Amino acid sequence: MSLSWPWALLSILIIPLIFAIREWARRRRRRAAVRVTSIALVRTALPGRSRWTRRIPPALLVAGLALLAVGAARPQASVPVPMRSATILLALDTSGSMCSTDVTPNRLTAARKAAADFIESQRGGPRIGLVTFAGTAGLLVPPTDDTDALVKALDGLTVARGTAIGQAMLTSIDAIAEVDPSVAPTGATPPAAAPGSGQGSAAIVVLTDGANTQGVNPRTAAREAALRGVRVFPIGFGTTTPAPMVCDNSEFDGRGYGGWGGGGFGGRGGFDRGRNPRDIDEPTLKEIARTTGGSYHRAENAGQLESALDALPGSFTVIREKVDTAAFFAAGGALLIATALSLSLWWNRPRKSSH
């Protein structure tokens, strides 16, 4: 909890002042007391209350005044608030290694299905856009709430050479900037903000099975996202177990694998030379998440991928906002003071003599 006007807490000093005045008045009454010859008469005149009940009204009064002082300081509580105006970009890796069959039937098909299920689960919620990347990155579907159009676009995914994770992130930022005025495009200077604050209204989910091989360094792209308050949630997909790489004819782009076609290219090599296509660059993906205020997830099969996607909405469609709670403190303080006065008046009411 934070306070908008912390200096208002000084008003709590009125409590010891009240007690000081009360003590002064009590001593003054004692000096002006009249002598009474009959102790029984004094006891009859005193209210019939025990010592602890006499302390209840002052205690309630003190508590009520303390609550009013806190309320005057304008306390604010940070509470989770669902956000329907969020923008989510799904950046899907379509490099050749996505044809690996270590995930049944292959990584590309499993990723396509998991992405479709995720999009369906967000129907009526935040805007979602699609970016695909291999050797370069491209915007497949701009951010939209048209769930059917998004799911249909997933059916046309094809693989190609290369893995441009950094470029995919920059392309996603520009797509978000087109629909969210609070996010500056990559060519513009972003407004001053706290990098990694994680409270922006936009997020990027990067699903990849490898490491960056071309284009912009992912760390550079992550800093650009952080400066704009855009969180990135990388998902490392696939295993390190060797498996044939098989895609059907519809999953080739017709350019990167010209003569291979025919559904398989397990032993042919020829793409992303110099690295194991099954190696996920987890250190870089984790650093991306830390830099932008997102989180990294690992998925070795279709079930884990679906679970990772299912867990994400709570991270980027719910933000924490400061809510003014002064009214609650003021109401509580007023209630306690009213109760204290009521009890004091009731217990000190004139009593009828039984004689």
Protein backbone atom coordinates (compact mmCIF):
# COMPACT_ATOMS: atom_id res chain seq x y z
CA MET A 1 0.00 0.00 0.00
CA SER A 2 1.26 3.50 -0.83
CA LEU A 3 0.21 6.94 0.38
CA SER A 4 -0.52 9.92 -1.88
CA TRP A 5 -0.31 12.48 0.93
CA PRO A 6 1.88 10.92 3.64
CA TRP A 7 2.18 14.24 5.49
CA ALA A 8 -1.50 13.95 6.36
CA LEU A 9 -0.51 11.25 8.86
CA LEU A 10 0.64 14.07 11.13
CA SER A 11 -3.06 14.60 11.91
CA ILE A 12 -2.81 11.49 14.06
CA LEU A 13 -1.09 13.73 16.64
CA ILE A 14 -4.56 14.99 17.57
CA ILE A 15 -5.07 11.75 19.52
CA PRO A 16 -2.50 12.43 22.28
CA LEU A 17 -3.72 16.05 22.30
CA ILE A 18 -7.25 14.87 23.07
CA PHE A 19 -6.00 12.66 25.90
CA ALA A 20 -3.93 15.53 27.28
CA ILE A 21 -7.01 17.79 27.33
CA ARG A 22 -9.03 14.98 28.94
CA GLU A 23 -6.45 14.53 31.69
CA TRP A 24 -6.31 18.28 32.29
CA ALA A 25 -10.11 18.43 32.60
CA ARG A 26 -10.13 15.43 34.95
CA ARG A 27 -7.63 17.04 37.30
CA ARG A 28 -9.54 20.32 37.24
CA ARG A 29 -12.75 18.52 38.22
CA ARG A 30 -10.91 16.79 41.05
CA ARG A 31 -9.84 20.14 42.53
CA ALA A 32 -13.38 21.47 42.28
CA ALA A 33 -14.97 18.38 43.79
CA VAL A 34 -17.41 18.92 46.69
CA ARG A 35 -17.18 17.03 49.89
CA VAL A 36 -19.89 14.47 50.40
CA THR A 37 -20.50 12.95 53.79
CA SER A 38 -22.16 9.75 52.54
CA ILE A 39 -20.09 7.24 50.53
CA ALA A 40 -23.27 5.31 49.74
CA LEU A 41 -24.72 8.41 48.10
CA VAL A 42 -21.67 8.70 45.86
CA ARG A 43 -21.87 5.07 44.80
CA THR A 44 -25.54 5.48 43.98
CA ALA A 45 -24.78 8.46 41.77
CA LEU A 46 -22.05 6.69 39.80
CA PRO A 47 -23.03 4.81 36.59
CA GLY A 48 -23.26 1.09 37.05
CA ARG A 49 -20.37 0.11 34.73
CA SER A 50 -17.27 -1.98 35.18
CA ARG A 51 -13.81 -0.54 34.59
CA TRP A 52 -13.28 -2.24 31.21
CA THR A 53 -16.58 -1.04 29.75
CA ARG A 54 -15.61 2.52 30.59
CA ARG A 55 -12.56 2.11 28.37
CA ILE A 56 -14.47 0.92 25.30
CA PRO A 57 -15.70 4.32 24.01
CA PRO A 58 -12.23 5.97 24.30
CA ALA A 59 -10.61 3.00 22.56
CA LEU A 60 -13.13 3.14 19.72
CA LEU A 61 -12.64 6.89 19.44
CA VAL A 62 -8.86 6.49 19.17
CA ALA A 63 -9.18 3.77 16.54
CA GLY A 64 -11.66 5.87 14.56
CA LEU A 65 -9.43 8.93 14.61
CA ALA A 66 -6.45 6.83 13.52
CA LEU A 67 -8.41 5.48 10.55
CA LEU A 68 -9.47 9.01 9.58
CA ALA A 69 -5.82 10.11 9.69
CA VAL A 70 -4.78 7.24 7.41
CA GLY A 71 -7.68 8.03 5.08
CA ALA A 72 -6.54 11.66 4.89
CA ALA A 73 -3.16 10.40 3.64
CA ARG A 74 -4.98 8.92 0.60
CA PRO A 75 -3.78 5.29 0.76
CA GLN A 76 -3.65 3.37 -2.51
CA ALA A 77 -3.65 -0.40 -2.89
CA SER A 78 -2.18 -2.28 -5.85
CA VAL A 79 -4.82 -4.69 -7.13
CA PRO A 80 -4.98 -7.02 -10.15
CA VAL A 81 -7.28 -5.70 -12.86
CA PRO A 82 -8.34 -7.64 -15.97
CA MET A 83 -7.48 -5.74 -19.15
CA ARG A 84 -9.56 -6.24 -22.26
CA SER A 85 -7.66 -3.64 -24.29
CA ALA A 86 -4.42 -5.66 -24.35
CA THR A 87 -2.65 -6.46 -27.61
CA ILE A 88 -0.88 -9.81 -28.01
CA LEU A 89 1.44 -10.74 -30.87
CA LEU A 90 2.13 -14.42 -31.46
CA ALA A 91 5.51 -14.75 -33.19
CA LEU A 92 5.81 -18.31 -34.52
CA ASP A 93 9.06 -19.92 -35.65
CA THR A 94 8.67 -21.44 -39.13
CA SER A 95 12.29 -22.46 -39.70
CA GLY A 96 13.04 -25.83 -41.29
CA SER A 97 13.74 -27.48 -37.93
CA MET A 98 10.04 -27.10 -37.11
CA CYS A 99 9.58 -30.17 -39.31
CA SER A 100 11.30 -32.32 -36.67
CA THR A 101 9.16 -35.28 -35.61
CA ASP A 102 10.42 -35.40 -32.02
CA VAL A 103 7.00 -33.86 -31.30
CA THR A 104 4.13 -35.79 -32.90
CA PRO A 105 3.37 -35.45 -35.79
CA ASN A 106 5.98 -32.66 -36.12
CA ARG A 107 6.78 -29.43 -34.30
CA LEU A 108 5.05 -27.20 -36.83
CA THR A 109 1.74 -29.05 -36.69
CA ALA A 110 1.79 -29.22 -32.89
CA ALA A 111 2.61 -25.51 -32.63
CA ARG A 112 -0.14 -24.63 -35.10
CA LYS A 113 -2.74 -26.56 -33.11
CA ALA A 114 -1.63 -25.13 -29.76
CA ALA A 115 -1.71 -21.59 -31.19
CA ALA A 116 -5.20 -22.15 -32.60
CA ASP A 117 -6.46 -23.42 -29.23
CA PHE A 118 -4.93 -20.44 -27.48
CA ILE A 119 -6.54 -17.98 -29.90
CA GLU A 120 -9.92 -19.67 -29.45
CA SER A 121 -9.60 -19.41 -25.66
CA GLN A 122 -9.14 -15.64 -25.97
CA ARG A 123 -12.26 -15.09 -28.08
CA GLY A 124 -13.88 -11.81 -27.03
CA GLY A 125 -10.74 -10.76 -25.15
CA PRO A 126 -7.57 -8.93 -26.20
CA ARG A 127 -6.54 -8.23 -29.79
CA ILE A 128 -4.20 -10.84 -31.21
CA GLY A 129 -1.84 -10.62 -34.18
CA LEU A 130 0.34 -13.21 -35.92
CA VAL A 131 3.98 -12.89 -36.98
CA THR A 132 5.94 -15.72 -38.59
CA PHE A 133 9.70 -15.86 -38.89
CA ALA A 134 12.37 -18.00 -40.50
CA GLY A 135 15.23 -16.22 -42.32
CA THR A 136 13.18 -13.03 -42.02
CA ALA A 137 9.99 -12.03 -40.24
CA GLY A 138 6.64 -10.95 -41.60
CA LEU A 139 3.29 -9.85 -40.24
CA LEU A 140 0.79 -12.56 -41.12
CA VAL A 141 -2.30 -11.03 -39.45
CA PRO A 142 -2.40 -7.53 -37.86
CA PRO A 143 -3.80 -7.38 -34.31
CA THR A 144 -7.49 -8.13 -34.48
CA ASP A 145 -10.36 -9.56 -32.49
CA ASP A 146 -11.44 -11.68 -35.49
CA THR A 147 -10.71 -15.11 -34.04
CA ASP A 148 -11.81 -17.00 -37.16
CA ALA A 149 -9.41 -15.03 -39.39
CA LEU A 150 -6.52 -15.76 -37.03
CA VAL A 151 -7.21 -19.49 -36.88
CA LYS A 152 -7.61 -19.67 -40.67
CA ALA A 153 -4.24 -17.95 -41.18
CA LEU A 154 -2.52 -20.66 -39.15
CA ASP A 155 -3.51 -23.26 -41.75
CA GLY A 156 -1.18 -21.69 -44.29
CA LEU A 157 2.08 -21.83 -42.31
CA THR A 158 5.13 -22.96 -44.31
CA VAL A 159 8.78 -23.50 -43.36
CA ALA A 160 11.92 -21.85 -44.74
CA ARG A 161 15.61 -21.48 -43.95
CA GLY A 162 16.96 -19.41 -41.06
CA THR A 163 15.75 -18.18 -37.66
CA ALA A 164 15.34 -14.42 -37.15
CA ILE A 165 14.11 -14.13 -33.56
CA GLY A 166 15.25 -10.52 -33.10
CA GLN A 167 13.61 -9.37 -36.33
CA ALA A 168 10.39 -11.13 -35.31
CA MET A 169 10.30 -9.11 -32.09
CA LEU A 170 10.84 -5.81 -33.90
CA THR A 171 8.16 -6.70 -36.47
CA SER A 172 5.80 -7.48 -33.58
CA ILE A 173 6.55 -4.13 -31.92
CA ASP A 174 5.71 -2.27 -35.13
CA ALA A 175 2.47 -4.23 -35.49
CA ILE A 176 1.50 -3.28 -31.94
CA ALA A 177 2.39 0.38 -32.58
CA GLU A 178 -0.11 0.45 -35.47
CA VAL A 179 -3.03 -0.17 -33.09
CA ASP A 180 -1.69 1.11 -29.75
CA PRO A 181 -0.72 4.81 -29.67
CA SER A 182 1.12 4.30 -26.37
CA VAL A 183 3.73 2.11 -28.13
CA ALA A 184 6.26 3.86 -30.35
CA PRO A 185 7.34 2.09 -33.58
CA THR A 186 10.92 0.84 -33.81
CA GLY A 187 12.02 3.80 -35.91
CA ALA A 188 10.85 6.37 -33.36
CA THR A 189 12.23 7.39 -29.99
CA PRO A 190 10.03 5.90 -27.25
CA PRO A 191 8.85 8.11 -24.38
CA ALA A 192 10.72 7.90 -21.10
CA ALA A 193 9.62 4.79 -19.23
CA ALA A 194 10.94 2.27 -16.76
CA PRO A 195 12.32 -0.67 -18.75
CA GLY A 196 10.99 -4.02 -17.63
CA SER A 197 8.20 -2.51 -15.57
CA GLY A 198 5.87 -5.15 -16.98
CA GLN A 199 2.79 -2.97 -16.76
CA GLY A 200 2.24 -2.24 -20.43
CA SER A 201 -0.89 -3.15 -22.35
CA ALA A 202 0.98 -5.17 -24.98
CA ALA A 203 2.89 -8.44 -25.03
CA ILE A 204 4.75 -10.64 -27.48
CA VAL A 205 4.82 -14.44 -27.31
CA VAL A 206 7.83 -15.84 -29.18
CA LEU A 207 7.56 -19.55 -29.91
CA THR A 208 10.85 -20.93 -31.24
CA ASP A 209 12.71 -24.22 -31.40
CA GLY A 210 16.20 -22.86 -32.04
CA ALA A 211 18.61 -19.96 -31.88
CA ASN A 212 18.86 -16.70 -33.78
CA THR A 213 20.87 -17.17 -37.00
CA GLN A 214 20.09 -14.03 -38.97
CA GLY A 215 19.18 -10.39 -38.65
CA VAL A 216 18.88 -8.33 -35.48
CA ASN A 217 20.39 -9.59 -32.23
CA PRO A 218 17.51 -10.70 -29.96
CA ARG A 219 19.06 -8.88 -26.99
CA THR A 220 18.93 -5.61 -28.93
CA ALA A 221 15.30 -6.25 -29.84
CA ALA A 222 14.52 -7.04 -26.20
CA ARG A 223 15.87 -3.66 -25.09
CA GLU A 224 13.71 -1.96 -27.70
CA ALA A 225 10.65 -3.82 -26.38
CA ALA A 226 11.49 -2.96 -22.76
CA LEU A 227 11.82 0.75 -23.57
CA ARG A 228 8.27 0.65 -24.92
CA GLY A 229 6.80 -1.30 -21.99
CA VAL A 230 6.18 -4.36 -24.19
CA ARG A 231 6.77 -7.63 -22.38
CA VAL A 232 8.10 -10.67 -24.21
CA PHE A 233 7.25 -14.25 -23.23
CA PRO A 234 9.58 -16.68 -25.05
CA ILE A 235 8.69 -20.37 -25.32
CA GLY A 236 11.43 -22.86 -26.15
CA PHE A 237 9.75 -25.74 -28.03
CA GLY A 238 11.04 -29.20 -28.83
CA THR A 239 13.49 -31.76 -27.45
CA THR A 240 17.18 -32.49 -27.98
CA THR A 241 16.39 -36.00 -29.18
CA PRO A 242 17.39 -36.61 -32.84
CA ALA A 243 14.37 -37.34 -35.02
CA PRO A 244 13.57 -37.30 -38.75
CA MET A 245 12.35 -33.96 -40.09
CA VAL A 246 9.22 -34.48 -42.09
CA CYS A 247 6.80 -31.89 -43.48
CA ASP A 248 4.19 -32.45 -46.15
CA ASN A 249 4.24 -30.55 -49.44
CA SER A 250 1.84 -27.88 -48.20
CA GLU A 251 4.27 -26.90 -45.45
CA PHE A 252 7.10 -25.82 -47.79
CA ASP A 253 7.27 -22.25 -49.05
CA GLY A 254 8.51 -23.32 -52.50
CA ARG A 255 11.69 -21.25 -52.22
CA GLY A 256 13.89 -22.42 -49.37
CA TYR A 257 13.77 -26.16 -50.03
CA GLY A 258 13.21 -26.28 -53.74
CA GLY A 259 14.34 -29.78 -54.66
CA TRP A 260 13.41 -31.46 -51.42
CA GLY A 261 9.63 -31.40 -51.50
CA GLY A 262 8.12 -34.83 -51.22
CA GLY A 263 7.59 -34.67 -47.50
CA GLY A 264 10.99 -35.42 -45.97
CA PHE A 265 14.48 -34.06 -45.77
CA GLY A 266 15.86 -35.83 -42.72
CA GLY A 267 19.34 -36.63 -44.00
CA ARG A 268 19.70 -33.94 -46.65
CA GLY A 269 21.16 -31.16 -44.47
CA GLY A 270 21.53 -27.80 -46.17
CA PHE A 271 19.83 -25.41 -43.74
CA ASP A 272 21.12 -23.40 -40.78
CA ARG A 273 24.61 -24.79 -41.30
CA GLY A 274 26.99 -24.59 -38.35
CA ARG A 275 24.50 -25.34 -35.59
CA ASN A 276 22.36 -28.17 -34.36
CA PRO A 277 18.80 -27.25 -35.42
CA ARG A 278 17.52 -28.90 -32.24
CA ASP A 279 19.51 -26.62 -29.90
CA ILE A 280 17.35 -24.00 -28.17
CA ASP A 281 19.24 -20.90 -27.08
CA GLU A 282 17.71 -20.88 -23.61
CA PRO A 283 20.15 -18.36 -22.06
CA THR A 284 19.19 -15.75 -24.66
CA LEU A 285 15.47 -16.49 -24.35
CA LYS A 286 15.65 -16.19 -20.56
CA GLU A 287 17.53 -12.90 -20.87
CA ILE A 288 14.84 -11.59 -23.23
CA ALA A 289 12.21 -12.40 -20.61
CA ARG A 290 14.18 -10.73 -17.80
CA THR A 291 14.90 -7.60 -19.85
CA THR A 292 11.27 -7.04 -20.80
CA GLY A 293 9.57 -8.17 -17.59
CA GLY A 294 8.13 -11.33 -19.18
CA SER A 295 8.80 -14.98 -18.36
CA TYR A 296 10.42 -17.91 -20.15
CA HIS A 297 8.67 -21.25 -20.63
CA ARG A 298 10.02 -24.60 -21.80
CA ALA A 299 7.85 -27.08 -23.70
CA GLU A 300 9.15 -30.46 -24.88
CA ASN A 301 5.86 -31.82 -26.21
CA ALA A 302 2.46 -30.68 -27.40
CA GLY A 303 0.87 -30.97 -23.97
CA GLN A 304 3.51 -28.80 -22.31
CA LEU A 305 3.19 -26.25 -25.09
CA GLU A 306 -0.56 -26.01 -24.59
CA SER A 307 -0.06 -25.68 -20.82
CA ALA A 308 2.50 -22.90 -21.31
CA LEU A 309 0.13 -20.96 -23.55
CA ASP A 310 -2.80 -21.53 -21.19
CA ALA A 311 -0.79 -20.06 -18.31
CA LEU A 312 0.12 -16.85 -20.13
CA PRO A 313 -3.17 -14.88 -20.16
CA GLY A 314 -2.97 -14.35 -16.41
CA SER A 315 0.39 -12.66 -16.98
CA PHE A 316 -0.36 -10.26 -19.80
CA THR A 317 -4.12 -9.69 -19.70
CA VAL A 318 -4.11 -8.87 -15.98
CA ILE A 319 -2.22 -5.81 -14.78
CA ARG A 320 -1.88 -4.22 -11.36
CA GLU A 321 -3.42 -0.82 -10.86
CA LYS A 322 -3.40 1.52 -7.88
CA VAL A 323 -6.86 1.98 -6.40
CA ASP A 324 -7.63 4.77 -3.93
CA THR A 325 -8.84 3.21 -0.66
CA ALA A 326 -9.25 6.45 1.33
CA ALA A 327 -13.04 6.13 1.31
CA PHE A 328 -12.88 2.78 3.11
CA PHE A 329 -10.65 4.18 5.87
CA ALA A 330 -12.86 7.26 6.21
CA ALA A 331 -16.01 5.15 6.43
CA GLY A 332 -14.43 2.81 8.98
CA GLY A 333 -13.21 5.73 11.07
CA ALA A 334 -16.60 7.46 11.03
CA LEU A 335 -18.33 4.22 12.05
CA LEU A 336 -15.99 3.68 15.01
CA ILE A 337 -16.38 7.28 16.22
CA ALA A 338 -20.18 7.08 15.91
CA THR A 339 -20.16 3.81 17.87
CA ALA A 340 -17.95 5.34 20.58
CA LEU A 341 -20.29 8.34 21.00
CA SER A 342 -23.39 6.12 21.01
CA LEU A 343 -22.01 3.81 23.70
CA SER A 344 -20.84 6.75 25.80
CA LEU A 345 -24.25 8.45 25.64
CA TRP A 346 -26.08 5.18 26.37
CA TRP A 347 -23.96 4.20 29.34
CA ASN A 348 -24.06 7.73 30.80
CA ARG A 349 -27.79 8.28 30.34
CA PRO A 350 -29.75 9.43 33.40
CA ARG A 351 -30.99 6.47 35.39
CA LYS A 352 -34.36 6.44 37.11
CA SER A 353 -34.31 5.92 40.82
CA SER A 354 -35.83 2.67 42.03
CA HIS A 355 -37.32 4.48 45.06
